Amino acid sequence: MTLARLCQADVEERLNTSRFGRRLEMFWSCDSTNDELAARAAQGAAEGTLVVAEEQTAGRGRRGRSWHSPAGENLYFSLLLRPDARAGGMAPLSLLAGAALARSLADLGFSPRLKWPNDVLLDSQAGCRKVAGILAEMASAKEQVRHIVLGIGINVNSRCFPAEIESRATSLALVRDRAVDRSSVLAAFLNEFEPMYDELLAHGPIPGLAVWRRFALLGQPCFVDRAAGRIEGIAASVDDSGALLVETPNGDVVSVHAGEVNWPKAM
């Protein structure tokens, strides 16, 4: 399968944003789009600056995991945010980015699901499998945000995956059984996310979290491994801070702000 290289002009002509993606830098290959954008952030790059790569040689996900980033197939990009906000107020940001991506994929005809805190899944004939991940990295000073680099990887046109993830991963092309235009997917996300982000800053996270809940994988058994020990129960919802609410067998509701969530029956 021969795929067209991502074209900056194709992305720009599909944008209806005022800031996000209007300053766009594309690489054929880089270590990590998050690292490239963090360097530009330190040099004063404006909010909305976007770095996109055809390939990452050291792409990463949450908790230090690597992100499978073959050349010319998928989307690997990072968006620079400079909210005038305290660091704690940005905790729901990854969920809102997931909500915007889910809504944009739904508008493109897919059936996305969201797994707390940062995974986007697709319903497929093989079950619910991961199609995208989100990694937000923040720089702050005295509890005030300096900038946030929001990195997203979307499996768009990959047809095969490494053995260690092939049973859990999918792509838009595998679900649709044909190649998918990457420019349309990228622009659709940016068009959805910019107003959701602006609403977060102006009015708080509640409207965006309502969108997240519409697509969320909830009501499922899960367990969370934390330093204080394992929590088992049912993923009931998220609260207004973005924490996962887990209802335990004895009826207690535990707020999970961090930790590795496992979903035995979800994937």
C-alpha atoms as a PDB file:
ATOM      1  CA  MET A   1       0.000   0.000   0.000  1.00  0.00           C
ATOM      2  CA  THR A   2       1.447   3.366  -1.066  1.00  0.00           C
ATOM      3  CA  LEU A   3       0.324   6.259   1.113  1.00  0.00           C
ATOM      4  CA  ALA A   4       0.591   9.953   0.329  1.00  0.00           C
ATOM      5  CA  ARG A   5       2.826  12.046   2.512  1.00  0.00           C
ATOM      6  CA  LEU A   6       0.919  14.321   4.869  1.00  0.00           C
ATOM      7  CA  CYS A   7       0.588  17.735   3.245  1.00  0.00           C
ATOM      8  CA  GLN A   8       0.572  20.937   5.275  1.00  0.00           C
ATOM      9  CA  ALA A   9      -1.666  22.731   2.787  1.00  0.00           C
ATOM     10  CA  ASP A  10      -4.246  19.910   2.999  1.00  0.00           C
ATOM     11  CA  VAL A  11      -4.404  20.295   6.771  1.00  0.00           C
ATOM     12  CA  GLU A  12      -4.601  24.088   6.699  1.00  0.00           C
ATOM     13  CA  GLU A  13      -7.423  24.235   4.182  1.00  0.00           C
ATOM     14  CA  ARG A  14      -9.572  22.048   6.434  1.00  0.00           C
ATOM     15  CA  LEU A  15      -9.023  24.112   9.600  1.00  0.00           C
ATOM     16  CA  ASN A  16     -11.623  26.440  11.030  1.00  0.00           C
ATOM     17  CA  THR A  17      -9.552  27.214  14.146  1.00  0.00           C
ATOM     18  CA  SER A  18      -8.186  30.603  15.089  1.00  0.00           C
ATOM     19  CA  ARG A  19      -4.932  29.364  16.730  1.00  0.00           C
ATOM     20  CA  PHE A  20      -4.566  25.605  16.817  1.00  0.00           C
ATOM     21  CA  GLY A  21      -2.516  24.352  13.896  1.00  0.00           C
ATOM     22  CA  ARG A  22      -2.039  27.791  12.345  1.00  0.00           C
ATOM     23  CA  ARG A  23       1.677  27.562  13.135  1.00  0.00           C
ATOM     24  CA  LEU A  24       2.556  24.117  11.836  1.00  0.00           C
ATOM     25  CA  GLU A  25       5.956  22.472  11.494  1.00  0.00           C
ATOM     26  CA  MET A  26       6.321  19.091   9.821  1.00  0.00           C
ATOM     27  CA  PHE A  27       9.176  16.601  10.105  1.00  0.00           C
ATOM     28  CA  TRP A  28       9.845  13.515   8.068  1.00  0.00           C
ATOM     29  CA  SER A  29      11.442  11.964  11.161  1.00  0.00           C
ATOM     30  CA  CYS A  30      12.189  13.034  14.721  1.00  0.00           C
ATOM     31  CA  ASP A  31      12.814  11.405  18.078  1.00  0.00           C
ATOM     32  CA  SER A  32       9.551  12.647  19.594  1.00  0.00           C
ATOM     33  CA  THR A  33       7.143  15.402  18.591  1.00  0.00           C
ATOM     34  CA  ASN A  34       6.691  16.219  22.279  1.00  0.00           C
ATOM     35  CA  ASP A  35      10.425  16.814  22.666  1.00  0.00           C
ATOM     36  CA  GLU A  36      10.596  18.931  19.511  1.00  0.00           C
ATOM     37  CA  LEU A  37       7.707  21.092  20.648  1.00  0.00           C
ATOM     38  CA  ALA A  38       8.983  21.405  24.228  1.00  0.00           C
ATOM     39  CA  ALA A  39      12.206  22.888  22.847  1.00  0.00           C
ATOM     40  CA  ARG A  40      10.194  25.411  20.849  1.00  0.00           C
ATOM     41  CA  ALA A  41       8.040  26.204  23.878  1.00  0.00           C
ATOM     42  CA  ALA A  42      11.164  27.045  25.872  1.00  0.00           C
ATOM     43  CA  GLN A  43      12.110  29.468  23.089  1.00  0.00           C
ATOM     44  CA  GLY A  44       8.759  31.267  23.291  1.00  0.00           C
ATOM     45  CA  ALA A  45       6.638  29.553  20.623  1.00  0.00           C
ATOM     46  CA  ALA A  46       3.027  30.723  20.589  1.00  0.00           C
ATOM     47  CA  GLU A  47       0.012  28.790  21.824  1.00  0.00           C
ATOM     48  CA  GLY A  48      -1.440  26.633  19.078  1.00  0.00           C
ATOM     49  CA  THR A  49       1.925  25.763  17.553  1.00  0.00           C
ATOM     50  CA  LEU A  50       1.751  22.241  16.132  1.00  0.00           C
ATOM     51  CA  VAL A  51       4.570  19.801  15.406  1.00  0.00           C
ATOM     52  CA  VAL A  52       3.779  16.801  13.204  1.00  0.00           C
ATOM     53  CA  ALA A  53       6.081  13.941  12.187  1.00  0.00           C
ATOM     54  CA  GLU A  54       5.789  11.199   9.603  1.00  0.00           C
ATOM     55  CA  GLU A  55       7.888   8.998  11.892  1.00  0.00           C
ATOM     56  CA  GLN A  56       9.085   9.005  15.490  1.00  0.00           C
ATOM     57  CA  THR A  57      12.203   7.098  16.443  1.00  0.00           C
ATOM     58  CA  ALA A  58      11.599   7.470  20.187  1.00  0.00           C
ATOM     59  CA  GLY A  59       7.873   8.150  20.478  1.00  0.00           C
ATOM     60  CA  ARG A  60       6.482   7.571  23.924  1.00  0.00           C
ATOM     61  CA  GLY A  61       3.220   7.086  25.747  1.00  0.00           C
ATOM     62  CA  ARG A  62       2.250   7.253  29.398  1.00  0.00           C
ATOM     63  CA  ARG A  63       4.424   5.775  32.149  1.00  0.00           C
ATOM     64  CA  GLY A  64       7.526   5.660  29.930  1.00  0.00           C
ATOM     65  CA  ARG A  65       6.118   3.235  27.364  1.00  0.00           C
ATOM     66  CA  SER A  66       7.231   3.496  23.745  1.00  0.00           C
ATOM     67  CA  TRP A  67       4.739   4.437  21.012  1.00  0.00           C
ATOM     68  CA  HIS A  68       4.818   2.407  17.798  1.00  0.00           C
ATOM     69  CA  SER A  69       5.529   5.064  15.132  1.00  0.00           C
ATOM     70  CA  PRO A  70       6.181   3.622  11.657  1.00  0.00           C
ATOM     71  CA  ALA A  71       6.876   6.059   8.845  1.00  0.00           C
ATOM     72  CA  GLY A  72       4.167   7.427   6.581  1.00  0.00           C
ATOM     73  CA  GLU A  73       1.171   5.575   8.028  1.00  0.00           C
ATOM     74  CA  ASN A  74      -0.258   7.330  11.055  1.00  0.00           C
ATOM     75  CA  LEU A  75      -0.524  10.648  12.892  1.00  0.00           C
ATOM     76  CA  TYR A  76       2.049  11.703  15.487  1.00  0.00           C
ATOM     77  CA  PHE A  77       1.647  15.288  16.601  1.00  0.00           C
ATOM     78  CA  SER A  78       2.049  17.662  19.539  1.00  0.00           C
ATOM     79  CA  LEU A  79       0.118  20.850  20.269  1.00  0.00           C
ATOM     80  CA  LEU A  80       1.403  23.706  22.426  1.00  0.00           C
ATOM     81  CA  LEU A  81      -0.953  25.180  25.043  1.00  0.00           C
ATOM     82  CA  ARG A  82      -0.292  28.207  27.243  1.00  0.00           C
ATOM     83  CA  PRO A  83      -3.295  28.444  29.579  1.00  0.00           C
ATOM     84  CA  ASP A  84      -3.420  31.217  32.154  1.00  0.00           C
ATOM     85  CA  ALA A  85      -4.246  28.719  34.871  1.00  0.00           C
ATOM     86  CA  ARG A  86      -2.995  26.926  37.929  1.00  0.00           C
ATOM     87  CA  ALA A  87      -1.487  23.521  37.312  1.00  0.00           C
ATOM     88  CA  GLY A  88      -4.163  21.714  39.330  1.00  0.00           C
ATOM     89  CA  GLY A  89      -6.926  23.163  37.187  1.00  0.00           C
ATOM     90  CA  MET A  90      -5.552  21.443  34.101  1.00  0.00           C
ATOM     91  CA  ALA A  91      -5.956  17.895  35.403  1.00  0.00           C
ATOM     92  CA  PRO A  92      -8.960  17.154  33.117  1.00  0.00           C
ATOM     93  CA  LEU A  93      -7.117  18.305  29.978  1.00  0.00           C
ATOM     94  CA  SER A  94      -6.202  14.825  28.692  1.00  0.00           C
ATOM     95  CA  LEU A  95      -9.797  13.685  29.127  1.00  0.00           C
ATOM     96  CA  LEU A  96     -11.054  16.687  27.181  1.00  0.00           C
ATOM     97  CA  ALA A  97      -8.567  15.974  24.398  1.00  0.00           C
ATOM     98  CA  GLY A  98      -9.871  12.406  24.315  1.00  0.00           C
ATOM     99  CA  ALA A  99     -13.440  13.685  24.199  1.00  0.00           C
ATOM    100  CA  ALA A 100     -12.622  15.971  21.266  1.00  0.00           C
ATOM    101  CA  LEU A 101     -10.886  13.149  19.414  1.00  0.00           C
ATOM    102  CA  ALA A 102     -13.771  10.745  20.060  1.00  0.00           C
ATOM    103  CA  ARG A 103     -16.323  13.251  18.836  1.00  0.00           C
ATOM    104  CA  SER A 104     -14.295  14.024  15.703  1.00  0.00           C
ATOM    105  CA  LEU A 105     -13.900  10.301  14.930  1.00  0.00           C
ATOM    106  CA  ALA A 106     -17.624   9.757  15.467  1.00  0.00           C
ATOM    107  CA  ASP A 107     -18.317  12.557  12.985  1.00  0.00           C
ATOM    108  CA  LEU A 108     -16.071  10.695  10.512  1.00  0.00           C
ATOM    109  CA  GLY A 109     -18.218   7.572  10.897  1.00  0.00           C
ATOM    110  CA  PHE A 110     -16.281   5.560  13.502  1.00  0.00           C
ATOM    111  CA  SER A 111     -17.471   4.188  16.856  1.00  0.00           C
ATOM    112  CA  PRO A 112     -14.929   5.391  19.443  1.00  0.00           C
ATOM    113  CA  ARG A 113     -14.818   4.551  23.138  1.00  0.00           C
ATOM    114  CA  LEU A 114     -12.743   6.266  25.837  1.00  0.00           C
ATOM    115  CA  LYS A 115     -10.800   4.395  28.499  1.00  0.00           C
ATOM    116  CA  TRP A 116      -9.648   6.463  31.455  1.00  0.00           C
ATOM    117  CA  PRO A 117      -7.368   8.307  31.473  1.00  0.00           C
ATOM    118  CA  ASN A 118      -5.903   8.663  27.977  1.00  0.00           C
ATOM    119  CA  ASP A 119      -6.812   5.824  25.608  1.00  0.00           C
ATOM    120  CA  VAL A 120      -9.129   6.016  22.620  1.00  0.00           C
ATOM    121  CA  LEU A 121     -10.559   2.683  21.487  1.00  0.00           C
ATOM    122  CA  LEU A 122     -12.590   1.566  18.500  1.00  0.00           C
ATOM    123  CA  ASP A 123     -15.296  -1.047  18.347  1.00  0.00           C
ATOM    124  CA  SER A 124     -14.234  -3.610  15.759  1.00  0.00           C
ATOM    125  CA  GLN A 125     -15.050  -7.163  14.741  1.00  0.00           C
ATOM    126  CA  ALA A 126     -12.164  -8.291  16.959  1.00  0.00           C
ATOM    127  CA  GLY A 127     -13.510  -6.369  19.960  1.00  0.00           C
ATOM    128  CA  CYS A 128     -12.628  -3.035  21.516  1.00  0.00           C
ATOM    129  CA  ARG A 129      -9.051  -2.124  20.602  1.00  0.00           C
ATOM    130  CA  LYS A 130      -6.807   0.891  21.103  1.00  0.00           C
ATOM    131  CA  VAL A 131      -6.519   3.340  18.206  1.00  0.00           C
ATOM    132  CA  ALA A 132      -4.998   6.416  19.883  1.00  0.00           C
ATOM    133  CA  GLY A 133      -3.229   7.633  22.994  1.00  0.00           C
ATOM    134  CA  ILE A 134      -2.698  11.024  24.601  1.00  0.00           C
ATOM    135  CA  LEU A 135       0.279  12.306  26.587  1.00  0.00           C
ATOM    136  CA  ALA A 136       0.165  15.748  28.236  1.00  0.00           C
ATOM    137  CA  GLU A 137       3.456  17.089  29.616  1.00  0.00           C
ATOM    138  CA  MET A 138       3.340  20.272  31.689  1.00  0.00           C
ATOM    139  CA  ALA A 139       5.927  22.864  32.661  1.00  0.00           C
ATOM    140  CA  SER A 140       4.954  25.009  35.645  1.00  0.00           C
ATOM    141  CA  ALA A 141       6.407  27.503  38.086  1.00  0.00           C
ATOM    142  CA  LYS A 142       4.990  28.115  41.580  1.00  0.00           C
ATOM    143  CA  GLU A 143       1.854  26.111  40.683  1.00  0.00           C
ATOM    144  CA  GLN A 144       1.202  28.311  37.622  1.00  0.00           C
ATOM    145  CA  VAL A 145       1.233  26.660  34.207  1.00  0.00           C
ATOM    146  CA  ARG A 146       4.007  27.869  31.911  1.00  0.00           C
ATOM    147  CA  HIS A 147       3.029  25.606  29.023  1.00  0.00           C
ATOM    148  CA  ILE A 148       1.576  22.203  28.213  1.00  0.00           C
ATOM    149  CA  VAL A 149       2.723  19.995  25.370  1.00  0.00           C
ATOM    150  CA  LEU A 150      -0.191  17.797  24.336  1.00  0.00           C
ATOM    151  CA  GLY A 151       1.043  14.797  22.344  1.00  0.00           C
ATOM    152  CA  ILE A 152      -1.303  12.504  20.437  1.00  0.00           C
ATOM    153  CA  GLY A 153      -0.676   9.373  18.403  1.00  0.00           C
ATOM    154  CA  ILE A 154      -3.436   7.997  16.181  1.00  0.00           C
ATOM    155  CA  ASN A 155      -3.189   4.694  14.307  1.00  0.00           C
ATOM    156  CA  VAL A 156      -4.642   5.765  10.984  1.00  0.00           C
ATOM    157  CA  ASN A 157      -3.360   3.481   8.230  1.00  0.00           C
ATOM    158  CA  SER A 158      -1.229   0.827   9.946  1.00  0.00           C
ATOM    159  CA  ARG A 159      -2.200  -2.692   8.934  1.00  0.00           C
ATOM    160  CA  CYS A 160       0.088  -4.618  11.283  1.00  0.00           C
ATOM    161  CA  PHE A 161       1.582  -4.093  14.731  1.00  0.00           C
ATOM    162  CA  PRO A 162       4.427  -5.535  16.822  1.00  0.00           C
ATOM    163  CA  ALA A 163       3.635  -8.844  18.475  1.00  0.00           C
ATOM    164  CA  GLU A 164       3.465  -7.324  21.948  1.00  0.00           C
ATOM    165  CA  ILE A 165       0.535  -5.042  21.031  1.00  0.00           C
ATOM    166  CA  GLU A 166      -1.138  -6.696  18.029  1.00  0.00           C
ATOM    167  CA  SER A 167      -3.912  -8.220  20.151  1.00  0.00           C
ATOM    168  CA  ARG A 168      -4.804  -4.819  21.654  1.00  0.00           C
ATOM    169  CA  ALA A 169      -4.258  -2.340  18.798  1.00  0.00           C
ATOM    170  CA  THR A 170      -6.194  -1.380  15.707  1.00  0.00           C
ATOM    171  CA  SER A 171      -6.273   1.437  13.159  1.00  0.00           C
ATOM    172  CA  LEU A 172      -8.875   3.477  11.340  1.00  0.00           C
ATOM    173  CA  ALA A 173      -7.950   1.715   8.090  1.00  0.00           C
ATOM    174  CA  LEU A 174      -8.355  -1.752   9.612  1.00  0.00           C
ATOM    175  CA  VAL A 175     -11.817  -0.882  10.895  1.00  0.00           C
ATOM    176  CA  ARG A 176     -12.908   0.781   7.644  1.00  0.00           C
ATOM    177  CA  ASP A 177     -10.985  -1.655   5.403  1.00  0.00           C
ATOM    178  CA  ARG A 178      -9.480   1.123   3.315  1.00  0.00           C
ATOM    179  CA  ALA A 179      -6.952   3.917   3.672  1.00  0.00           C
ATOM    180  CA  VAL A 180      -8.069   7.004   5.586  1.00  0.00           C
ATOM    181  CA  ASP A 181      -7.013  10.567   4.780  1.00  0.00           C
ATOM    182  CA  ARG A 182      -4.778  11.738   7.609  1.00  0.00           C
ATOM    183  CA  SER A 183      -5.232  15.454   6.921  1.00  0.00           C
ATOM    184  CA  SER A 184      -8.961  15.138   7.513  1.00  0.00           C
ATOM    185  CA  VAL A 185      -8.452  13.310  10.811  1.00  0.00           C
ATOM    186  CA  LEU A 186      -5.933  15.857  12.111  1.00  0.00           C
ATOM    187  CA  ALA A 187      -7.996  18.893  11.113  1.00  0.00           C
ATOM    188  CA  ALA A 188     -11.179  17.373  12.534  1.00  0.00           C
ATOM    189  CA  PHE A 189      -9.519  16.926  15.921  1.00  0.00           C
ATOM    190  CA  LEU A 190      -8.128  20.474  16.019  1.00  0.00           C
ATOM    191  CA  ASN A 191     -11.503  21.912  15.006  1.00  0.00           C
ATOM    192  CA  GLU A 192     -13.199  20.039  17.855  1.00  0.00           C
ATOM    193  CA  PHE A 193     -10.544  20.612  20.493  1.00  0.00           C
ATOM    194  CA  GLU A 194      -9.967  24.359  20.229  1.00  0.00           C
ATOM    195  CA  PRO A 195     -13.499  25.402  21.347  1.00  0.00           C
ATOM    196  CA  MET A 196     -13.519  22.705  24.038  1.00  0.00           C
ATOM    197  CA  TYR A 197     -10.203  23.997  25.399  1.00  0.00           C
ATOM    198  CA  ASP A 198     -11.435  27.611  25.318  1.00  0.00           C
ATOM    199  CA  GLU A 199     -14.568  26.535  27.184  1.00  0.00           C
ATOM    200  CA  LEU A 200     -12.412  24.805  29.812  1.00  0.00           C
ATOM    201  CA  LEU A 201     -10.539  28.050  30.468  1.00  0.00           C
ATOM    202  CA  ALA A 202     -13.662  30.221  30.466  1.00  0.00           C
ATOM    203  CA  HIS A 203     -16.159  28.021  32.301  1.00  0.00           C
ATOM    204  CA  GLY A 204     -14.368  24.968  33.686  1.00  0.00           C
ATOM    205  CA  PRO A 205     -14.288  21.296  32.656  1.00  0.00           C
ATOM    206  CA  ILE A 206     -17.899  20.231  33.250  1.00  0.00           C
ATOM    207  CA  PRO A 207     -19.188  20.628  29.640  1.00  0.00           C
ATOM    208  CA  GLY A 208     -16.146  18.828  28.211  1.00  0.00           C
ATOM    209  CA  LEU A 209     -16.371  16.021  30.761  1.00  0.00           C
ATOM    210  CA  ALA A 210     -20.011  15.530  29.799  1.00  0.00           C
ATOM    211  CA  VAL A 211     -18.794  14.814  26.261  1.00  0.00           C
ATOM    212  CA  TRP A 212     -16.153  12.427  27.651  1.00  0.00           C
ATOM    213  CA  ARG A 213     -18.813  10.491  29.564  1.00  0.00           C
ATOM    214  CA  ARG A 214     -20.868  10.036  26.377  1.00  0.00           C
ATOM    215  CA  PHE A 215     -18.064   7.964  24.871  1.00  0.00           C
ATOM    216  CA  ALA A 216     -16.636   6.506  28.080  1.00  0.00           C
ATOM    217  CA  LEU A 217     -16.092   2.861  28.830  1.00  0.00           C
ATOM    218  CA  LEU A 218     -17.928   2.820  32.172  1.00  0.00           C
ATOM    219  CA  GLY A 219     -19.833   0.228  34.165  1.00  0.00           C
ATOM    220  CA  GLN A 220     -16.985  -2.228  33.568  1.00  0.00           C
ATOM    221  CA  PRO A 221     -15.018  -4.194  36.171  1.00  0.00           C
ATOM    222  CA  CYS A 222     -11.555  -2.760  36.662  1.00  0.00           C
ATOM    223  CA  PHE A 223      -8.669  -2.761  39.077  1.00  0.00           C
ATOM    224  CA  VAL A 224      -6.139  -0.063  39.801  1.00  0.00           C
ATOM    225  CA  ASP A 225      -2.628  -0.746  41.016  1.00  0.00           C
ATOM    226  CA  ARG A 226      -1.358   2.044  43.246  1.00  0.00           C
ATOM    227  CA  ALA A 227       1.518   2.392  45.676  1.00  0.00           C
ATOM    228  CA  ALA A 228      -0.952   2.015  48.541  1.00  0.00           C
ATOM    229  CA  GLY A 229      -2.337  -1.231  47.093  1.00  0.00           C
ATOM    230  CA  ARG A 230      -4.812  -2.545  44.550  1.00  0.00           C
ATOM    231  CA  ILE A 231      -8.357  -1.207  44.249  1.00  0.00           C
ATOM    232  CA  GLU A 232     -10.953  -3.433  42.589  1.00  0.00           C
ATOM    233  CA  GLY A 233     -14.470  -2.528  41.579  1.00  0.00           C
ATOM    234  CA  ILE A 234     -16.650  -1.038  38.858  1.00  0.00           C
ATOM    235  CA  ALA A 235     -15.655   2.079  36.902  1.00  0.00           C
ATOM    236  CA  ALA A 236     -18.692   4.210  37.733  1.00  0.00           C
ATOM    237  CA  SER A 237     -17.872   7.657  36.307  1.00  0.00           C
ATOM    238  CA  VAL A 238     -15.421  10.552  36.552  1.00  0.00           C
ATOM    239  CA  ASP A 239     -15.787  13.505  38.894  1.00  0.00           C
ATOM    240  CA  ASP A 240     -15.413  17.172  37.954  1.00  0.00           C
ATOM    241  CA  SER A 241     -11.643  17.015  38.489  1.00  0.00           C
ATOM    242  CA  GLY A 242     -11.327  14.175  35.992  1.00  0.00           C
ATOM    243  CA  ALA A 243     -10.651  11.513  38.627  1.00  0.00           C
ATOM    244  CA  LEU A 244     -12.015   8.026  37.958  1.00  0.00           C
ATOM    245  CA  LEU A 245     -14.689   6.956  40.456  1.00  0.00           C
ATOM    246  CA  VAL A 246     -14.418   3.258  41.284  1.00  0.00           C
ATOM    247  CA  GLU A 247     -17.233   1.602  43.223  1.00  0.00           C
ATOM    248  CA  THR A 248     -15.800  -1.213  45.335  1.00  0.00           C
ATOM    249  CA  PRO A 249     -17.661  -4.420  46.254  1.00  0.00           C
ATOM    250  CA  ASN A 250     -18.450  -3.047  49.746  1.00  0.00           C
ATOM    251  CA  GLY A 251     -20.150   0.018  48.266  1.00  0.00           C
ATOM    252  CA  ASP A 252     -17.383   2.549  48.811  1.00  0.00           C
ATOM    253  CA  VAL A 253     -16.558   4.968  45.996  1.00  0.00           C
ATOM    254  CA  VAL A 254     -12.834   5.642  45.580  1.00  0.00           C
ATOM    255  CA  SER A 255     -11.479   8.573  43.555  1.00  0.00           C
ATOM    256  CA  VAL A 256      -8.499   7.500  41.454  1.00  0.00           C
ATOM    257  CA  HIS A 257      -6.315  10.384  40.299  1.00  0.00           C
ATOM    258  CA  ALA A 258      -3.361   8.321  39.089  1.00  0.00           C
ATOM    259  CA  GLY A 259      -2.344   4.729  38.661  1.00  0.00           C
ATOM    260  CA  GLU A 260      -2.466   1.899  36.155  1.00  0.00           C
ATOM    261  CA  VAL A 261      -6.092   1.000  35.369  1.00  0.00           C
ATOM    262  CA  ASN A 262      -6.731  -2.511  34.066  1.00  0.00           C
ATOM    263  CA  TRP A 263      -9.963  -3.567  32.395  1.00  0.00           C
ATOM    264  CA  PRO A 264     -10.131  -7.400  32.326  1.00  0.00           C
ATOM    265  CA  LYS A 265     -13.229  -7.581  30.095  1.00  0.00           C
ATOM    266  CA  ALA A 266     -12.851  -4.408  28.046  1.00  0.00           C
ATOM    267  CA  MET A 267     -10.174  -5.418  25.548  1.00  0.00           C
END
